[in-house]
C-alpha atoms as a PDB file:
ATOM      1  CA  MET A   1     164.522 105.289 153.800  1.00  0.00           C
ATOM      2  CA  ARG A   2     162.784 108.516 154.855  1.00  0.00           C
ATOM      3  CA  ALA A   3     164.739 110.546 152.305  1.00  0.00           C
ATOM      4  CA  ASN A   4     164.040 108.066 149.513  1.00  0.00           C
ATOM      5  CA  THR A   5     160.275 108.098 150.082  1.00  0.00           C
ATOM      6  CA  SER A   6     160.112 111.737 149.051  1.00  0.00           C
ATOM      7  CA  ASN A   7     162.165 111.621 145.860  1.00  0.00           C
ATOM      8  CA  SER A   8     162.751 109.615 142.710  1.00  0.00           C
ATOM      9  CA  HIS A   9     163.994 106.607 144.717  1.00  0.00           C
ATOM     10  CA  PHE A  10     160.539 105.867 146.107  1.00  0.00           C
ATOM     11  CA  VAL A  11     160.373 102.405 144.517  1.00  0.00           C
ATOM     12  CA  ARG A  12     163.616 101.428 146.240  1.00  0.00           C
ATOM     13  CA  ALA A  13     162.323 102.770 149.550  1.00  0.00           C
ATOM     14  CA  TRP A  14     159.033 100.885 149.132  1.00  0.00           C
ATOM     15  CA  MET A  15     160.897  97.612 148.546  1.00  0.00           C
ATOM     16  CA  THR A  16     163.079  98.228 151.608  1.00  0.00           C
ATOM     17  CA  LEU A  17     159.991  99.024 153.656  1.00  0.00           C
ATOM     18  CA  GLY A  18     158.288  95.845 152.449  1.00  0.00           C
ATOM     19  CA  ARG A  19     161.217  93.744 153.640  1.00  0.00           C
ATOM     20  CA  ALA A  20     161.207  95.523 157.007  1.00  0.00           C
ATOM     21  CA  VAL A  21     157.468  94.941 157.461  1.00  0.00           C
ATOM     22  CA  THR A  22     157.846  91.268 156.520  1.00  0.00           C
ATOM     23  CA  LEU A  23     160.671  90.858 159.043  1.00  0.00           C
ATOM     24  CA  ALA A  24     158.562  92.543 161.727  1.00  0.00           C
ATOM     25  CA  GLN A  25     155.757  90.077 161.041  1.00  0.00           C
ATOM     26  CA  ILE A  26     158.136  87.092 161.100  1.00  0.00           C
ATOM     27  CA  LEU A  27     159.406  88.275 164.493  1.00  0.00           C
ATOM     28  CA  ASN A  28     155.789  88.764 165.554  1.00  0.00           C
ATOM     29  CA  LEU A  29     156.537  92.330 166.617  1.00  0.00           C
ATOM     30  CA  HIS A  30     152.928  93.323 166.017  1.00  0.00           C
ATOM     31  CA  ARG A  31     151.952  91.085 168.950  1.00  0.00           C
ATOM     32  CA  ILE A  32     154.705  91.763 171.481  1.00  0.00           C
ATOM     33  CA  ASP A  33     152.160  93.068 173.996  1.00  0.00           C
ATOM     34  CA  SER A  34     149.726  90.194 173.730  1.00  0.00           C
ATOM     35  CA  GLY A  35     149.151  87.919 176.712  1.00  0.00           C
ATOM     36  CA  ASP A  36     151.953  87.319 179.190  1.00  0.00           C
ATOM     37  CA  THR A  37     154.506  89.452 177.340  1.00  0.00           C
ATOM     38  CA  ALA A  38     152.620  92.624 178.249  1.00  0.00           C
ATOM     39  CA  ARG A  39     152.510  91.717 181.919  1.00  0.00           C
ATOM     40  CA  GLN A  40     156.195  90.791 181.942  1.00  0.00           C
ATOM     41  CA  GLN A  41     157.386  94.110 180.553  1.00  0.00           C
ATOM     42  CA  ARG A  42     155.218  96.141 182.951  1.00  0.00           C
ATOM     43  CA  THR A  43     156.886  94.478 185.934  1.00  0.00           C
ATOM     44  CA  GLY A  44     160.351  94.532 184.386  1.00  0.00           C
ATOM     45  CA  SER A  45     160.742  90.736 184.620  1.00  0.00           C
ATOM     46  CA  GLN A  46     162.774  88.898 182.005  1.00  0.00           C
ATOM     47  CA  GLN A  47     161.399  85.560 180.851  1.00  0.00           C
ATOM     48  CA  ASP A  48     161.587  83.465 177.738  1.00  0.00           C
ATOM     49  CA  ALA A  49     160.258  85.346 174.715  1.00  0.00           C
ATOM     50  CA  THR A  50     160.121  82.521 172.186  1.00  0.00           C
ATOM     51  CA  GLU A  51     156.445  83.184 171.557  1.00  0.00           C
ATOM     52  CA  THR A  52     157.189  86.642 170.229  1.00  0.00           C
ATOM     53  CA  GLY A  53     160.266  85.722 168.233  1.00  0.00           C
ATOM     54  CA  LEU A  54     162.401  88.214 170.181  1.00  0.00           C
ATOM     55  CA  ALA A  55     165.699  87.382 171.838  1.00  0.00           C
ATOM     56  CA  CYS A  56     165.546  87.189 175.637  1.00  0.00           C
ATOM     57  CA  ASP A  57     168.008  90.044 176.093  1.00  0.00           C
ATOM     58  CA  THR A  58     165.583  92.480 174.464  1.00  0.00           C
ATOM     59  CA  LEU A  59     162.868  91.964 177.035  1.00  0.00           C
ATOM     60  CA  ASP A  60     163.957  94.710 179.421  1.00  0.00           C
ATOM     61  CA  PRO A  61     161.448  97.594 179.422  1.00  0.00           C
ATOM     62  CA  ALA A  62     163.663 100.051 177.546  1.00  0.00           C
ATOM     63  CA  SER A  63     164.445  97.584 174.758  1.00  0.00           C
ATOM     64  CA  LEU A  64     160.809  96.623 174.385  1.00  0.00           C
ATOM     65  CA  GLU A  65     159.820 100.268 174.191  1.00  0.00           C
ATOM     66  CA  GLU A  66     162.482 100.889 171.551  1.00  0.00           C
ATOM     67  CA  THR A  67     161.007  97.987 169.584  1.00  0.00           C
ATOM     68  CA  ARG A  68     157.548  99.519 169.872  1.00  0.00           C
ATOM     69  CA  ARG A  69     158.731 102.892 168.645  1.00  0.00           C
ATOM     70  CA  SER A  70     160.530 101.257 165.719  1.00  0.00           C
ATOM     71  CA  PHE A  71     157.423  99.257 164.856  1.00  0.00           C
ATOM     72  CA  TRP A  72     155.232 102.354 164.853  1.00  0.00           C
ATOM     73  CA  SER A  73     157.719 104.019 162.524  1.00  0.00           C
ATOM     74  CA  LEU A  74     157.125 101.138 160.103  1.00  0.00           C
ATOM     75  CA  TYR A  75     153.371 101.638 160.519  1.00  0.00           C
ATOM     76  CA  ILE A  76     153.681 105.327 159.673  1.00  0.00           C
ATOM     77  CA  PHE A  77     155.983 104.780 156.698  1.00  0.00           C
ATOM     78  CA  GLU A  78     153.842 101.981 155.282  1.00  0.00           C
ATOM     79  CA  SER A  79     150.746 104.155 155.584  1.00  0.00           C
ATOM     80  CA  TYR A  80     152.485 106.968 153.716  1.00  0.00           C
ATOM     81  CA  GLY A  81     153.726 104.622 150.995  1.00  0.00           C
ATOM     82  CA  SER A  82     150.310 103.017 150.590  1.00  0.00           C
ATOM     83  CA  VAL A  83     148.775 106.421 149.934  1.00  0.00           C
ATOM     84  CA  ARG A  84     151.355 107.038 147.219  1.00  0.00           C
ATOM     85  CA  ILE A  85     150.721 103.796 145.345  1.00  0.00           C
ATOM     86  CA  GLY A  86     147.074 103.207 146.226  1.00  0.00           C
ATOM     87  CA  ARG A  87     147.593  99.799 147.832  1.00  0.00           C
ATOM     88  CA  PRO A  88     146.150  98.507 151.119  1.00  0.00           C
ATOM     89  CA  CYS A  89     148.393  98.408 154.170  1.00  0.00           C
ATOM     90  CA  THR A  90     149.760  95.124 155.491  1.00  0.00           C
ATOM     91  CA  LEU A  91     149.824  96.288 159.115  1.00  0.00           C
ATOM     92  CA  GLU A  92     146.108  96.415 159.894  1.00  0.00           C
ATOM     93  CA  GLU A  93     145.218  97.928 163.250  1.00  0.00           C
ATOM     94  CA  ASP A  94     142.780  95.154 164.208  1.00  0.00           C
ATOM     95  CA  ASN A  95     145.697  92.700 164.189  1.00  0.00           C
ATOM     96  CA  LEU A  96     148.079  94.868 166.220  1.00  0.00           C
ATOM     97  CA  CYS A  97     148.643  93.865 169.846  1.00  0.00           C
ATOM     98  CA  ILE A  98     151.333  96.413 170.575  1.00  0.00           C
ATOM     99  CA  PHE A  99     151.012  99.387 172.889  1.00  0.00           C
ATOM    100  CA  LEU A 100     151.190 102.931 171.617  1.00  0.00           C
ATOM    101  CA  PRO A 101     154.524 104.707 172.266  1.00  0.00           C
ATOM    102  CA  SER A 102     155.076 105.536 175.921  1.00  0.00           C
ATOM    103  CA  PRO A 103     156.623 108.786 177.159  1.00  0.00           C
ATOM    104  CA  GLY A 104     160.012 108.691 178.803  1.00  0.00           C
ATOM    105  CA  GLU A 105     163.712 108.557 178.020  1.00  0.00           C
ATOM    106  CA  LEU A 106     164.993 105.077 177.206  1.00  0.00           C
ATOM    107  CA  SER A 107     167.452 104.350 180.007  1.00  0.00           C
ATOM    108  CA  GLU A 108     168.205 101.520 182.420  1.00  0.00           C
ATOM    109  CA  THR A 109     165.590 102.881 184.818  1.00  0.00           C
ATOM    110  CA  PHE A 110     162.896 103.292 182.163  1.00  0.00           C
ATOM    111  CA  LEU A 111     159.474 101.908 183.027  1.00  0.00           C
ATOM    112  CA  PRO A 112     156.727 102.498 180.447  1.00  0.00           C
ATOM    113  CA  SER A 113     153.501 104.255 181.264  1.00  0.00           C
ATOM    114  CA  PRO A 114     150.294 102.284 180.702  1.00  0.00           C
ATOM    115  CA  MET A 115     149.313 102.801 177.059  1.00  0.00           C
ATOM    116  CA  PRO A 116     146.393 101.289 175.126  1.00  0.00           C
ATOM    117  CA  PHE A 117     146.399  99.526 171.781  1.00  0.00           C
ATOM    118  CA  ILE A 118     145.713 101.751 168.793  1.00  0.00           C
ATOM    119  CA  SER A 119     142.395  99.958 168.250  1.00  0.00           C
ATOM    120  CA  ASP A 120     141.247 100.655 171.822  1.00  0.00           C
ATOM    121  CA  SER A 121     140.453 104.335 171.456  1.00  0.00           C
ATOM    122  CA  THR A 122     138.085 104.394 174.426  1.00  0.00           C
ATOM    123  CA  LYS A 123     141.067 104.138 176.796  1.00  0.00           C
ATOM    124  CA  LEU A 124     142.919 107.136 175.353  1.00  0.00           C
ATOM    125  CA  THR A 125     141.052 109.625 177.508  1.00  0.00           C
ATOM    126  CA  GLY A 126     142.505 107.904 180.580  1.00  0.00           C
ATOM    127  CA  VAL A 127     146.122 108.201 179.421  1.00  0.00           C
ATOM    128  CA  GLY A 128     148.017 110.588 181.675  1.00  0.00           C
ATOM    129  CA  TYR A 129     150.398 111.868 179.010  1.00  0.00           C
ATOM    130  CA  LEU A 130     150.285 111.301 175.265  1.00  0.00           C
ATOM    131  CA  THR A 131     153.529 112.081 173.425  1.00  0.00           C
ATOM    132  CA  SER A 132     153.521 113.885 170.102  1.00  0.00           C
ATOM    133  CA  TYR A 133     154.857 110.674 168.543  1.00  0.00           C
ATOM    134  CA  ALA A 134     151.886 108.699 169.874  1.00  0.00           C
ATOM    135  CA  ALA A 135     149.563 111.449 168.651  1.00  0.00           C
ATOM    136  CA  VAL A 136     151.096 111.252 165.161  1.00  0.00           C
ATOM    137  CA  THR A 137     150.624 107.472 165.181  1.00  0.00           C
ATOM    138  CA  ILE A 138     146.934 107.847 166.023  1.00  0.00           C
ATOM    139  CA  MET A 139     146.553 110.602 163.430  1.00  0.00           C
ATOM    140  CA  VAL A 140     147.900 108.190 160.798  1.00  0.00           C
ATOM    141  CA  LYS A 141     145.192 105.742 161.829  1.00  0.00           C
ATOM    142  CA  LEU A 142     142.574 108.466 161.276  1.00  0.00           C
ATOM    143  CA  ALA A 143     144.039 109.312 157.874  1.00  0.00           C
ATOM    144  CA  ARG A 144     143.892 105.637 156.890  1.00  0.00           C
ATOM    145  CA  LEU A 145     140.236 105.424 157.909  1.00  0.00           C
ATOM    146  CA  CYS A 146     139.507 108.503 155.833  1.00  0.00           C
ATOM    147  CA  PHE A 147     141.364 107.172 152.789  1.00  0.00           C
ATOM    148  CA  GLU A 148     139.418 103.919 153.002  1.00  0.00           C
ATOM    149  CA  HIS A 149     136.182 105.906 153.221  1.00  0.00           C
ATOM    150  CA  VAL A 150     137.090 107.932 150.124  1.00  0.00           C
ATOM    151  CA  SER A 151     138.286 104.863 148.210  1.00  0.00           C
ATOM    152  CA  ILE A 152     134.920 103.161 148.731  1.00  0.00           C
ATOM    153  CA  LEU A 153     133.300 106.189 147.105  1.00  0.00           C
ATOM    154  CA  SER A 154     135.691 106.023 144.149  1.00  0.00           C
ATOM    155  CA  ARG A 155     134.978 102.301 143.639  1.00  0.00           C
ATOM    156  CA  SER A 156     131.201 102.545 143.874  1.00  0.00           C
ATOM    157  CA  ALA A 157     129.139 105.445 142.587  1.00  0.00           C
ATOM    158  CA  SER A 158     126.099 104.038 144.412  1.00  0.00           C
ATOM    159  CA  ASP A 159     127.839 104.130 147.783  1.00  0.00           C
ATOM    160  CA  SER A 160     124.745 104.130 149.993  1.00  0.00           C
ATOM    161  CA  GLY A 161     126.680 104.166 153.254  1.00  0.00           C
ATOM    162  CA  PHE A 162     128.723 107.247 152.396  1.00  0.00           C
ATOM    163  CA  TRP A 163     126.953 109.800 154.567  1.00  0.00           C
ATOM    164  CA  ASP A 164     126.782 107.534 157.627  1.00  0.00           C
ATOM    165  CA  ARG A 165     130.534 106.958 157.403  1.00  0.00           C
ATOM    166  CA  HIS A 166     131.159 110.644 156.720  1.00  0.00           C
ATOM    167  CA  TYR A 167     129.416 111.930 159.836  1.00  0.00           C
ATOM    168  CA  ARG A 168     130.886 109.134 161.955  1.00  0.00           C
ATOM    169  CA  LEU A 169     134.391 110.074 160.795  1.00  0.00           C
ATOM    170  CA  VAL A 170     133.734 113.773 161.389  1.00  0.00           C
ATOM    171  CA  LYS A 171     132.843 112.990 165.004  1.00  0.00           C
ATOM    172  CA  THR A 172     135.803 110.631 165.452  1.00  0.00           C
ATOM    173  CA  ILE A 173     138.311 113.145 164.096  1.00  0.00           C
ATOM    174  CA  ASN A 174     136.846 115.934 166.217  1.00  0.00           C
ATOM    175  CA  ASP A 175     137.060 113.743 169.332  1.00  0.00           C
ATOM    176  CA  TYR A 176     140.717 112.935 168.682  1.00  0.00           C
ATOM    177  CA  THR A 177     141.480 116.558 167.880  1.00  0.00           C
ATOM    178  CA  ALA A 178     140.385 117.412 171.418  1.00  0.00           C
ATOM    179  CA  ILE A 179     142.769 114.759 172.784  1.00  0.00           C
ATOM    180  CA  PHE A 180     145.646 116.135 170.677  1.00  0.00           C
ATOM    181  CA  GLN A 181     144.985 119.737 171.688  1.00  0.00           C
ATOM    182  CA  ARG A 182     148.238 120.281 173.601  1.00  0.00           C
ATOM    183  CA  TYR A 183     150.143 119.655 170.351  1.00  0.00           C
ATOM    184  CA  LEU A 184     147.943 121.857 168.182  1.00  0.00           C
ATOM    185  CA  THR A 185     148.746 125.158 169.876  1.00  0.00           C
ATOM    186  CA  ALA A 186     150.848 127.755 168.068  1.00  0.00           C
ATOM    187  CA  LYS A 187     153.656 127.259 170.608  1.00  0.00           C
ATOM    188  CA  ALA A 188     153.772 123.488 170.086  1.00  0.00           C
ATOM    189  CA  VAL A 189     153.629 123.772 166.289  1.00  0.00           C
ATOM    190  CA  ARG A 190     156.551 126.216 166.377  1.00  0.00           C
ATOM    191  CA  GLU A 191     158.732 124.223 168.766  1.00  0.00           C
ATOM    192  CA  ASP A 192     158.028 120.558 167.995  1.00  0.00           C
ATOM    193  CA  PRO A 193     158.540 119.230 164.430  1.00  0.00           C
ATOM    194  CA  LEU A 194     156.239 116.293 165.195  1.00  0.00           C
ATOM    195  CA  ALA A 195     153.503 118.658 166.371  1.00  0.00           C
ATOM    196  CA  PHE A 196     153.981 120.626 163.142  1.00  0.00           C
ATOM    197  CA  SER A 197     153.510 117.458 161.079  1.00  0.00           C
ATOM    198  CA  LEU A 198     150.590 116.348 163.264  1.00  0.00           C
ATOM    199  CA  HIS A 199     148.814 119.667 162.785  1.00  0.00           C
ATOM    200  CA  LEU A 200     149.283 119.725 159.007  1.00  0.00           C
ATOM    201  CA  ASN A 201     148.284 116.112 158.430  1.00  0.00           C
ATOM    202  CA  LEU A 202     145.269 116.308 160.715  1.00  0.00           C
ATOM    203  CA  CYS A 203     144.070 119.334 158.752  1.00  0.00           C
ATOM    204  CA  ALA A 204     144.734 117.461 155.495  1.00  0.00           C
ATOM    205  CA  THR A 205     142.604 114.580 156.759  1.00  0.00           C
ATOM    206  CA  HIS A 206     139.785 117.059 157.377  1.00  0.00           C
ATOM    207  CA  ILE A 207     140.193 118.362 153.823  1.00  0.00           C
ATOM    208  CA  ASN A 208     140.217 114.874 152.315  1.00  0.00           C
ATOM    209  CA  LEU A 209     137.047 113.979 154.177  1.00  0.00           C
ATOM    210  CA  HIS A 210     135.141 117.140 153.297  1.00  0.00           C
ATOM    211  CA  GLU A 211     136.296 117.334 149.668  1.00  0.00           C
ATOM    212  CA  ALA A 212     134.896 113.812 149.233  1.00  0.00           C
ATOM    213  CA  ALA A 213     131.571 115.046 150.615  1.00  0.00           C
ATOM    214  CA  ILE A 214     131.601 117.950 148.157  1.00  0.00           C
ATOM    215  CA  ARG A 215     132.195 115.524 145.266  1.00  0.00           C
ATOM    216  CA  LYS A 216     129.402 113.274 146.522  1.00  0.00           C
ATOM    217  CA  VAL A 217     126.966 116.195 146.550  1.00  0.00           C
ATOM    218  CA  GLU A 218     127.911 117.030 142.965  1.00  0.00           C
ATOM    219  CA  GLU A 219     127.587 113.411 141.829  1.00  0.00           C
ATOM    220  CA  GLN A 220     124.164 113.021 143.420  1.00  0.00           C
ATOM    221  CA  ASP A 221     123.086 116.439 142.162  1.00  0.00           C
ATOM    222  CA  LEU A 222     122.050 117.419 145.673  1.00  0.00           C
ATOM    223  CA  PRO A 223     121.356 121.034 146.645  1.00  0.00           C
ATOM    224  CA  LYS A 224     124.609 122.970 147.066  1.00  0.00           C
ATOM    225  CA  LEU A 225     123.527 123.874 150.582  1.00  0.00           C
ATOM    226  CA  VAL A 226     124.170 120.245 151.575  1.00  0.00           C
ATOM    227  CA  ALA A 227     127.881 120.760 150.897  1.00  0.00           C
ATOM    228  CA  ALA A 228     128.065 124.224 152.480  1.00  0.00           C
ATOM    229  CA  GLU A 229     129.441 122.958 155.798  1.00  0.00           C
ATOM    230  CA  SER A 230     132.019 120.768 154.053  1.00  0.00           C
ATOM    231  CA  ARG A 231     133.180 123.671 151.882  1.00  0.00           C
ATOM    232  CA  LYS A 232     133.548 125.814 154.979  1.00  0.00           C
ATOM    233  CA  CYS A 233     135.450 123.122 156.924  1.00  0.00           C
ATOM    234  CA  SER A 234     137.735 122.257 153.998  1.00  0.00           C
ATOM    235  CA  THR A 235     138.690 125.880 153.393  1.00  0.00           C
ATOM    236  CA  ALA A 236     139.220 126.507 157.114  1.00  0.00           C
ATOM    237  CA  ALA A 237     141.540 123.491 157.362  1.00  0.00           C
ATOM    238  CA  ALA A 238     143.502 124.690 154.323  1.00  0.00           C
ATOM    239  CA  PHE A 239     144.020 128.088 155.941  1.00  0.00           C
ATOM    240  CA  LYS A 240     145.192 126.381 159.152  1.00  0.00           C
ATOM    241  CA  ILE A 241     147.834 124.547 157.117  1.00  0.00           C
ATOM    242  CA  LEU A 242     148.801 127.833 155.513  1.00  0.00           C
ATOM    243  CA  GLY A 243     149.088 129.521 158.914  1.00  0.00           C
ATOM    244  CA  ALA A 244     151.363 126.801 160.282  1.00  0.00           C
ATOM    245  CA  ILE A 245     153.559 126.964 157.181  1.00  0.00           C
ATOM    246  CA  ARG A 246     153.841 130.740 157.386  1.00  0.00           C
ATOM    247  CA  MET A 247     154.657 130.556 161.104  1.00  0.00           C
ATOM    248  CA  ASN A 248     157.465 128.029 160.530  1.00  0.00           C
ATOM    249  CA  TRP A 249     158.803 129.386 157.252  1.00  0.00           C
ATOM    250  CA  PRO A 250     162.594 128.916 157.433  1.00  0.00           C
ATOM    251  CA  VAL A 251     164.547 132.152 157.200  1.00  0.00           C
ATOM    252  CA  GLN A 252     167.537 130.064 156.209  1.00  0.00           C
ATOM    253  CA  ARG A 253     167.342 126.399 155.239  1.00  0.00           C
ATOM    254  CA  SER A 254     169.052 123.945 157.563  1.00  0.00           C
ATOM    255  CA  GLU A 255     168.919 120.256 158.360  1.00  0.00           C
ATOM    256  CA  ARG A 256     167.053 121.061 161.572  1.00  0.00           C
ATOM    257  CA  ASP A 257     164.212 123.252 160.329  1.00  0.00           C
ATOM    258  CA  HIS A 258     160.677 121.844 160.357  1.00  0.00           C
ATOM    259  CA  PHE A 259     160.454 121.715 156.564  1.00  0.00           C
ATOM    260  CA  THR A 260     163.581 119.572 156.268  1.00  0.00           C
ATOM    261  CA  LEU A 261     162.839 117.288 159.215  1.00  0.00           C
ATOM    262  CA  GLN A 262     159.247 116.621 158.121  1.00  0.00           C
ATOM    263  CA  ALA A 263     159.619 116.957 154.340  1.00  0.00           C
ATOM    264  CA  THR A 264     158.473 113.388 153.700  1.00  0.00           C
ATOM    265  CA  PHE A 265     155.213 113.890 155.550  1.00  0.00           C
ATOM    266  CA  ILE A 266     154.083 117.430 154.727  1.00  0.00           C
ATOM    267  CA  GLY A 267     153.889 117.171 150.939  1.00  0.00           C
ATOM    268  CA  TRP A 268     150.420 115.641 151.185  1.00  0.00           C
ATOM    269  CA  PRO A 269     148.973 118.376 153.466  1.00  0.00           C
ATOM    270  CA  ILE A 270     150.375 121.102 151.212  1.00  0.00           C
ATOM    271  CA  SER A 271     148.903 119.377 148.160  1.00  0.00           C
ATOM    272  CA  MET A 272     145.499 118.986 149.851  1.00  0.00           C
ATOM    273  CA  SER A 273     145.415 122.648 150.870  1.00  0.00           C
ATOM    274  CA  LEU A 274     146.268 123.626 147.283  1.00  0.00           C
ATOM    275  CA  ILE A 275     143.351 121.520 146.042  1.00  0.00           C
ATOM    276  CA  ALA A 276     140.916 122.992 148.579  1.00  0.00           C
ATOM    277  CA  LEU A 277     141.887 126.624 147.986  1.00  0.00           C
ATOM    278  CA  SER A 278     141.974 126.265 144.192  1.00  0.00           C
ATOM    279  CA  ARG A 279     138.387 124.993 144.379  1.00  0.00           C
ATOM    280  CA  SER A 280     137.498 128.048 146.442  1.00  0.00           C
ATOM    281  CA  LEU A 281     139.142 130.232 143.803  1.00  0.00           C
ATOM    282  CA  ALA A 282     137.176 128.585 140.998  1.00  0.00           C
ATOM    283  CA  ASN A 283     133.873 128.792 142.885  1.00  0.00           C
ATOM    284  CA  GLY A 284     134.395 132.302 144.214  1.00  0.00           C
ATOM    285  CA  ASP A 285     133.881 131.126 147.802  1.00  0.00           C
ATOM    286  CA  THR A 286     136.261 133.732 149.232  1.00  0.00           C
ATOM    287  CA  THR A 287     138.142 136.877 148.213  1.00  0.00           C
ATOM    288  CA  PRO A 288     140.247 135.962 145.134  1.00  0.00           C
ATOM    289  CA  ILE A 289     143.315 138.019 146.082  1.00  0.00           C
ATOM    290  CA  GLY A 290     143.632 136.332 149.467  1.00  0.00           C
ATOM    291  CA  ILE A 291     143.253 132.906 147.877  1.00  0.00           C
ATOM    292  CA  VAL A 292     145.789 133.673 145.146  1.00  0.00           C
ATOM    293  CA  ASP A 293     148.420 134.871 147.613  1.00  0.00           C
ATOM    294  CA  SER A 294     147.800 131.761 149.697  1.00  0.00           C
ATOM    295  CA  LEU A 295     148.172 129.485 146.673  1.00  0.00           C
ATOM    296  CA  ARG A 296     151.457 131.136 145.763  1.00  0.00           C
ATOM    297  CA  LEU A 297     152.853 130.574 149.251  1.00  0.00           C
ATOM    298  CA  LEU A 298     151.725 126.947 149.227  1.00  0.00           C
ATOM    299  CA  CYS A 299     153.394 126.387 145.851  1.00  0.00           C
ATOM    300  CA  ALA A 300     156.611 127.841 147.267  1.00  0.00           C
ATOM    301  CA  ALA A 301     156.294 125.583 150.319  1.00  0.00           C
ATOM    302  CA  LEU A 302     155.904 122.530 148.103  1.00  0.00           C
ATOM    303  CA  ASP A 303     159.076 123.546 146.285  1.00  0.00           C
ATOM    304  CA  HIS A 304     160.808 123.480 149.678  1.00  0.00           C
ATOM    305  CA  VAL A 305     159.915 119.851 150.405  1.00  0.00           C
ATOM    306  CA  GLU A 306     160.413 118.149 147.027  1.00  0.00           C
ATOM    307  CA  GLU A 307     161.686 118.618 143.488  1.00  0.00           C
ATOM    308  CA  ALA A 308     159.499 120.249 140.840  1.00  0.00           C
ATOM    309  CA  ASP A 309     158.786 116.857 139.247  1.00  0.00           C
ATOM    310  CA  GLY A 310     157.966 115.232 142.602  1.00  0.00           C
ATOM    311  CA  TYR A 311     154.853 113.209 143.339  1.00  0.00           C
ATOM    312  CA  TRP A 312     152.971 115.911 145.229  1.00  0.00           C
ATOM    313  CA  HIS A 313     153.770 118.497 142.571  1.00  0.00           C
ATOM    314  CA  GLN A 314     152.124 116.191 140.060  1.00  0.00           C
ATOM    315  CA  ALA A 315     149.157 115.611 142.361  1.00  0.00           C
ATOM    316  CA  SER A 316     148.721 119.398 142.608  1.00  0.00           C
ATOM    317  CA  ARG A 317     148.865 120.142 138.877  1.00  0.00           C
ATOM    318  CA  ALA A 318     145.165 120.996 138.648  1.00  0.00           C
ATOM    319  CA  ALA A 319     145.515 123.540 141.455  1.00  0.00           C
ATOM    320  CA  VAL A 320     148.587 125.099 139.848  1.00  0.00           C
ATOM    321  CA  ALA A 321     146.740 125.216 136.517  1.00  0.00           C
ATOM    322  CA  ALA A 322     143.802 126.998 138.179  1.00  0.00           C
ATOM    323  CA  LEU A 323     146.193 129.603 139.567  1.00  0.00           C
ATOM    324  CA  ALA A 324     147.822 130.066 136.149  1.00  0.00           C
ATOM    325  CA  LYS A 325     144.386 130.457 134.552  1.00  0.00           C
ATOM    326  CA  TRP A 326     143.450 133.145 137.069  1.00  0.00           C
ATOM    327  CA  ASP A 327     146.713 134.986 136.383  1.00  0.00           C
ATOM    328  CA  GLU A 328     146.018 134.835 132.655  1.00  0.00           C
ATOM    329  CA  GLN A 329     142.494 136.172 133.096  1.00  0.00           C
ATOM    330  CA  GLN A 330     143.766 139.048 135.205  1.00  0.00           C
ATOM    331  CA  HIS A 331     146.375 139.901 132.589  1.00  0.00           C
ATOM    332  CA  GLU A 332     143.753 139.885 129.821  1.00  0.00           C
ATOM    333  CA  SER A 333     141.460 142.133 131.864  1.00  0.00           C
ATOM    334  CA  ARG A 334     144.160 144.822 131.974  1.00  0.00           C
ATOM    335  CA  PRO A 335     144.581 145.887 128.344  1.00  0.00           C
ATOM    336  CA  GLY A 336     147.575 147.994 127.453  1.00  0.00           C
ATOM    337  CA  GLU A 337     149.970 146.305 129.896  1.00  0.00           C
END
């Protein structure tokens, strides 16, 4: 399914995902940690699980944790697919009574660490160890909140609550970024494919949020100074994506390099960084040569993760066109060549 979500078989993958999500809901997997079930798995006891729809033999701690990790994979894939087709997600966080992924190897002696629900963010600061997988899951939640924020703006030009939501989301994302810090270091981004994806997508969420603010300023004809901080933050996030891509650029393609392992999930960050930097090129926010070289590398990176007619290539057409226009202008300014 992961491979199909990033190529021409997306429709097939979306249908498969829909069936998987429906089955998860029928089995009540989104509530396996509600009530007594949560207490049972923490103590390792095995009791009847008819309320959750799970077979009794899956109630040992390792099997329950495997179920959680599988469920959160569905959550991540559905979120990605929903972005592609512009439809709301079925798995809403307010209805999820399932703990975030716990650290630890799934063995007979496995006992999960106490983990909160994804909706209970106040308890995250008390978690002893947050895995990169759990961090990615939370990051997806942040991206979904940001997409909903931006979609409200697109549906209503008179969105009076935009700025309140914007600054609230800025604070929320910054707070979570501090929690994720161990996975945002250069060492982690180089060594852990999930940390690489986390870093890129978190930066893309920043870009999405701040580019929406820039559009809002333009629509309301507000002073450009109002958008100055958003322009700065968007460009900085784009350069962070660029830095991570350059640091992990595969010398030789393999099935184990970061680009291959995370291809499904890094097309969006690359596309968002292209959009942000092409705007900077058009507005003259930074040195053109540096921006142009960055855009070229990002275009090459996008070629690494999908075909030339892929979805994120199409989403980035305006940025590619801006780069082509700049090249044309430079050629025209050098007569005699």
